[in-house]
Protein backbone atom coordinates (compact mmCIF):
# COMPACT_ATOMS: atom_id res chain seq x y z
CA MET A 1 0.00 0.00 0.00
CA LYS A 2 1.06 3.60 -0.64
CA LEU A 3 0.24 6.79 1.20
CA ILE A 4 0.03 9.86 -1.02
CA ILE A 5 0.36 13.18 0.81
CA GLY A 6 -0.61 16.17 -1.29
CA ILE A 7 -0.16 19.72 -0.03
CA VAL A 8 -2.40 21.94 -2.14
CA HIS A 9 -3.76 25.50 -2.09
CA SER A 10 -7.03 25.73 -0.17
CA ASP A 11 -8.82 26.92 -3.34
CA ASP A 12 -7.91 23.64 -5.06
CA ALA A 13 -8.69 21.31 -2.16
CA ASP A 14 -12.49 20.95 -2.52
CA PRO A 15 -12.44 20.26 -6.27
CA LEU A 16 -9.60 17.75 -5.75
CA VAL A 17 -11.41 15.85 -2.99
CA ARG A 18 -14.60 15.84 -5.08
CA VAL A 19 -12.86 14.31 -8.13
CA LEU A 20 -11.05 11.76 -5.97
CA GLN A 21 -14.37 10.70 -4.45
CA GLN A 22 -16.06 10.48 -7.87
CA ARG A 23 -13.30 8.16 -9.06
CA GLY A 24 -13.57 5.93 -6.00
CA TYR A 25 -10.64 7.13 -3.89
CA ARG A 26 -11.05 7.91 -0.21
CA SER A 27 -9.15 10.86 1.18
CA THR A 28 -8.72 12.87 4.34
CA ARG A 29 -8.36 16.63 4.23
CA ILE A 30 -6.43 18.50 6.93
CA SER A 31 -6.41 22.30 6.94
CA THR A 32 -2.84 23.60 7.14
CA THR A 33 -1.00 26.89 6.74
CA GLY A 34 1.95 27.55 4.47
CA GLY A 35 5.12 28.99 5.90
CA PHE A 36 6.17 31.49 3.23
CA LEU A 37 2.91 33.33 2.51
CA ARG A 38 1.09 32.13 5.63
CA GLU A 39 -1.92 31.34 3.45
CA GLY A 40 -4.37 28.49 3.80
CA ASN A 41 -3.34 25.16 2.41
CA ALA A 42 -4.84 21.74 2.67
CA THR A 43 -2.99 18.49 3.20
CA ILE A 44 -4.78 15.64 1.46
CA LEU A 45 -4.01 12.07 2.59
CA ILE A 46 -4.84 9.25 0.16
CA GLY A 47 -4.14 5.59 0.78
CA THR A 48 -4.08 3.41 -2.33
CA GLU A 49 -2.57 0.34 -3.91
CA PRO A 50 0.70 0.83 -5.82
CA GLU A 51 -0.94 0.26 -9.22
CA HIS A 52 -3.27 3.26 -8.64
CA VAL A 53 -0.57 5.80 -7.71
CA GLY A 54 -0.21 7.07 -11.28
CA GLU A 55 -3.95 7.68 -11.62
CA VAL A 56 -4.13 9.53 -8.29
CA LEU A 57 -1.13 11.68 -9.23
CA GLY A 58 -2.85 12.49 -12.52
CA ILE A 59 -6.00 13.57 -10.68
CA ILE A 60 -3.94 15.83 -8.42
CA GLN A 61 -2.15 17.33 -11.43
CA GLU A 62 -5.48 17.96 -13.23
CA SER A 63 -7.11 19.55 -10.17
CA CYS A 64 -4.34 21.73 -8.73
CA HIS A 65 -3.14 24.58 -10.89
CA ALA A 66 -0.31 27.00 -10.23
CA ARG A 67 -1.13 30.68 -10.66
CA THR A 68 0.46 34.01 -9.90
CA GLN A 69 -0.67 36.42 -7.23
CA PHE A 70 0.56 39.77 -5.94
CA VAL A 71 1.44 39.94 -2.24
CA SER A 72 2.96 42.59 -0.01
CA PRO A 73 6.25 41.25 1.34
CA LEU A 74 6.31 43.45 4.47
CA PRO A 75 3.85 45.61 6.38
CA PRO A 76 4.22 49.39 5.80
CA VAL A 77 7.03 50.91 7.86
CA ALA A 78 6.48 54.28 9.53
CA GLU A 79 9.62 56.07 10.65
CA ALA A 80 9.69 59.56 12.09
CA GLY A 81 8.99 61.83 9.14
CA GLU A 82 8.71 59.13 6.47
CA LEU A 83 6.46 56.29 5.40
CA TYR A 84 7.70 53.32 3.39
CA ILE A 85 5.04 51.26 1.62
CA PRO A 86 6.57 48.16 0.02
CA ARG A 87 5.61 47.28 -3.52
CA PRO A 88 3.59 44.13 -4.06
CA VAL A 89 5.63 41.20 -5.35
CA GLU A 90 4.34 38.67 -7.87
CA VAL A 91 4.63 35.09 -6.57
CA GLN A 92 3.46 31.71 -7.76
CA VAL A 93 0.78 30.02 -5.64
CA GLY A 94 -1.20 26.86 -6.05
CA GLY A 95 -0.08 23.69 -7.70
CA ALA A 96 0.73 20.78 -5.44
CA THR A 97 3.62 19.30 -3.52
CA VAL A 98 3.20 15.53 -3.36
CA PHE A 99 4.92 12.81 -1.36
CA VAL A 100 4.40 9.08 -2.00
CA LEU A 101 5.31 6.86 0.94
CA ASN A 102 5.41 3.12 1.43
CA VAL A 103 2.96 1.86 4.05
CA GLU A 104 4.02 -1.23 5.94
CA ARG A 105 0.57 -1.92 7.35
CA ALA A 106 -2.87 -0.35 7.00
CA GLU A 107 -6.10 -1.29 8.78
CA ARG A 108 -9.63 0.08 8.71
CA PHE A 109 -11.96 -0.55 11.62
């Protein structure tokens, strides 16, 4: 058995879980927060047999799209007599980071 851990943008999580369910894959969604942008992510856990890993990875790739977004890197800085407002920076968000792990034993009760 394999455990697929997908870390996806929160906007992509619901459509991903929906497609996984429609295609017969069970999953668990955990709400998480990213470190760089401190935005909402979701960690999706999917247990499957080794022969289905390629199909699940394809579903993740179809459902999770990278896109660009403008963010402010720092809060405005107010010094005595001056105000510095940082320019928004364009960054890439979305997509998916996926880990596939071997599972020694899995049980459902």
